[in-house]
Protein backbone atom coordinates (compact mmCIF):
# COMPACT_ATOMS: atom_id res chain seq x y z
CA MET A 1 147.49 128.47 51.18
CA LYS A 2 149.78 125.78 50.78
CA ARG A 3 148.60 122.15 51.09
CA PHE A 4 150.75 119.21 51.88
CA PRO A 5 150.21 116.05 50.07
CA VAL A 6 148.86 113.03 52.30
CA ARG A 7 150.41 109.65 51.46
CA CYS A 8 148.02 107.08 52.27
CA GLY A 9 150.61 104.32 51.73
CA ARG A 10 152.46 105.44 54.76
CA TYR A 11 149.18 105.18 57.17
CA ARG A 12 147.70 102.26 55.42
CA GLY A 13 148.64 99.58 57.88
CA ALA A 14 147.50 101.56 61.04
CA ILE A 15 144.02 102.29 59.14
CA ALA A 16 143.83 98.75 58.09
CA LEU A 17 144.48 97.49 61.98
CA LEU A 18 142.09 100.27 63.51
CA ALA A 19 139.10 99.23 61.29
CA LEU A 20 139.89 95.68 62.22
CA SER A 21 139.70 96.64 65.75
CA LEU A 22 136.59 98.41 65.26
CA LEU A 23 134.52 95.67 63.19
CA THR A 24 135.58 93.16 65.60
CA GLY A 25 135.23 94.98 68.93
CA CYS A 26 137.30 94.44 71.89
CA ARG A 27 136.33 91.05 73.07
CA HIS A 28 137.87 89.82 76.50
CA PRO A 29 138.71 85.93 76.23
CA VAL A 30 136.51 83.62 77.79
CA GLY A 31 137.38 80.27 79.58
CA GLU A 32 134.93 76.80 79.58
CA VAL A 33 135.24 75.56 82.96
CA SER A 34 133.96 72.25 84.03
CA GLY A 35 134.15 70.23 87.07
CA GLN A 36 132.35 69.03 90.09
CA VAL A 37 131.30 70.47 93.37
CA LEU A 38 132.15 68.18 96.50
CA TYR A 39 130.87 68.51 99.79
CA ASN A 40 132.97 66.76 102.58
CA ASP A 41 134.57 65.02 99.56
CA LYS A 42 131.23 63.85 98.22
CA PRO A 43 129.30 65.20 95.29
CA LEU A 44 126.69 67.96 96.21
CA PRO A 45 123.72 66.51 94.24
CA GLY A 46 122.35 69.51 92.92
CA GLY A 47 122.12 73.24 93.18
CA VAL A 48 123.63 76.21 91.38
CA VAL A 49 127.37 77.26 91.04
CA THR A 50 127.85 81.02 90.34
CA PHE A 51 131.25 82.50 89.07
CA VAL A 52 131.31 86.28 90.02
CA PRO A 53 134.50 88.18 87.66
CA THR A 54 136.24 90.60 89.98
CA LEU A 55 137.09 92.48 86.97
CA ALA A 56 134.35 95.37 86.56
CA GLY A 57 132.47 95.36 83.66
CA HIS A 58 131.83 91.53 83.35
CA ASN A 59 128.80 89.25 83.65
CA ALA A 60 128.60 86.45 86.27
CA ALA A 61 127.93 83.30 85.13
CA PHE A 62 125.66 80.32 86.61
CA ALA A 63 125.42 76.70 85.95
CA ARG A 64 123.17 74.13 87.45
CA LEU A 65 124.73 71.21 89.34
CA ASP A 66 123.36 68.04 88.19
CA GLU A 67 122.99 64.95 90.50
CA GLU A 68 126.77 64.01 90.85
CA GLY A 69 127.62 67.68 91.38
CA ARG A 70 128.83 68.44 87.97
CA TYR A 71 128.61 71.72 86.26
CA GLN A 72 129.95 73.37 83.01
CA VAL A 73 129.86 77.22 82.03
CA THR A 74 131.85 79.75 80.32
CA VAL A 75 132.65 82.78 82.19
CA ALA A 76 135.33 85.89 81.42
CA ALA A 77 138.84 84.76 81.65
CA GLY A 78 140.39 86.47 85.15
CA ASP A 79 139.90 86.14 88.73
CA VAL A 80 136.55 85.08 90.01
CA GLN A 81 134.75 84.52 92.94
CA MET A 82 132.44 81.60 92.99
CA SER A 83 129.25 80.96 95.25
CA VAL A 84 127.14 77.59 95.73
CA ASP A 85 123.44 77.54 96.53
CA ASN A 86 121.18 74.45 96.61
CA ARG A 87 118.40 76.20 99.01
CA ASP A 88 115.80 75.71 95.77
CA LEU A 89 115.72 71.86 96.39
CA GLN A 90 114.56 72.06 100.01
CA THR A 91 111.45 69.87 100.17
CA THR A 92 108.43 72.19 100.26
CA LYS A 93 104.86 70.97 100.21
CA PRO A 94 102.98 72.42 97.08
CA VAL A 95 100.56 74.96 97.32
CA GLU A 96 96.93 73.29 97.92
CA PHE A 97 93.63 74.72 97.17
CA PRO A 98 90.48 73.37 98.20
CA PRO A 99 87.60 73.36 95.51
CA PRO A 100 85.23 76.56 95.77
CA PRO A 101 82.11 76.28 97.92
CA GLY A 102 79.42 74.85 95.42
CA ALA A 103 81.86 73.37 92.94
CA LYS A 104 80.95 70.31 91.41
CA ILE A 105 83.02 67.44 92.37
CA PRO A 106 83.58 64.77 89.44
CA ALA A 107 82.31 61.36 90.55
CA GLY A 108 84.91 58.87 91.92
CA THR A 109 86.64 61.90 94.02
CA LYS A 110 86.45 63.13 97.42
CA GLY A 111 87.11 66.68 96.54
CA GLU A 112 90.85 66.33 97.54
CA PRO A 113 92.94 69.80 97.44
CA VAL A 114 94.63 70.02 94.23
CA ALA A 115 98.40 71.48 93.53
CA SER A 116 98.27 74.64 92.22
CA PRO A 117 99.08 74.87 88.27
CA SER A 118 101.61 77.65 88.77
CA ALA A 119 103.33 75.48 91.16
CA PRO A 120 107.28 75.43 90.26
CA GLU A 121 108.74 72.32 88.84
CA LYS A 122 110.71 70.32 90.83
CA LEU A 123 114.47 71.04 90.38
CA PRO A 124 116.63 67.79 89.77
CA GLY A 125 118.72 66.75 92.66
CA LYS A 126 118.51 66.29 96.33
CA TYR A 127 118.82 69.09 98.87
CA VAL A 128 121.96 68.56 101.12
CA GLU A 129 122.40 71.31 103.97
CA ILE A 130 125.60 73.35 103.60
CA PRO A 131 127.04 76.26 105.37
CA GLU A 132 125.37 79.29 104.80
CA ARG A 133 128.74 81.06 103.78
CA TYR A 134 128.70 79.56 100.51
CA TYR A 135 125.36 81.01 99.26
CA ARG A 136 127.36 84.39 98.69
CA ALA A 137 130.33 84.95 96.66
CA GLU A 138 131.51 87.23 99.00
CA SER A 139 131.42 85.31 101.97
CA SER A 140 132.38 81.66 100.32
CA GLY A 141 136.35 82.18 100.29
CA LEU A 142 136.01 80.39 96.79
CA THR A 143 138.09 82.28 94.10
CA MET A 144 139.90 80.78 91.21
CA THR A 145 141.78 82.41 88.10
CA VAL A 146 139.78 81.16 85.01
CA GLN A 147 142.35 80.85 82.17
CA PRO A 148 141.18 81.19 78.33
CA GLY A 149 139.98 77.90 76.90
CA PRO A 150 138.84 74.60 78.08
CA GLN A 151 139.61 73.83 81.81
CA THR A 152 138.67 71.36 85.06
CA TYR A 153 138.37 72.74 88.38
CA THR A 154 136.79 70.92 91.52
CA ILE A 155 135.03 73.15 94.07
CA LYS A 156 135.84 71.71 97.58
CA LEU A 157 133.15 72.60 100.25
CA LYS A 158 133.90 71.63 103.79
């Protein structure tokens, strides 16, 4: 059997590129998006904005709105659909439990109901009613193209 010599020098560059790509992985560029959500040209004082990439295989990204409607999020670059949801800010009374029958009531109290120790912590912001279509990315009509790197985007709800 005749053997053919393999010249490594000829393939050294291709092997190095292949090894480098295997070590670094296939990373998709990301954008750092910051901005503000406005409803009827006023800041939306709280809630969550969700960015859903349209390219398969990329995860959605979430950002909480502050009292001035500002947000900051890192998301895969490319086309995204967005949703805005602030229903968690609707005022609800905390769950209250009366003292159990026969419980000793501390002196100076009248046995008032107490808030549940597992009641969720109040989120920052204030509830403002927005149209329901904004709660889902598929129906919101909110889209943008995220570029790699930092950028600013104002989300306008009507």
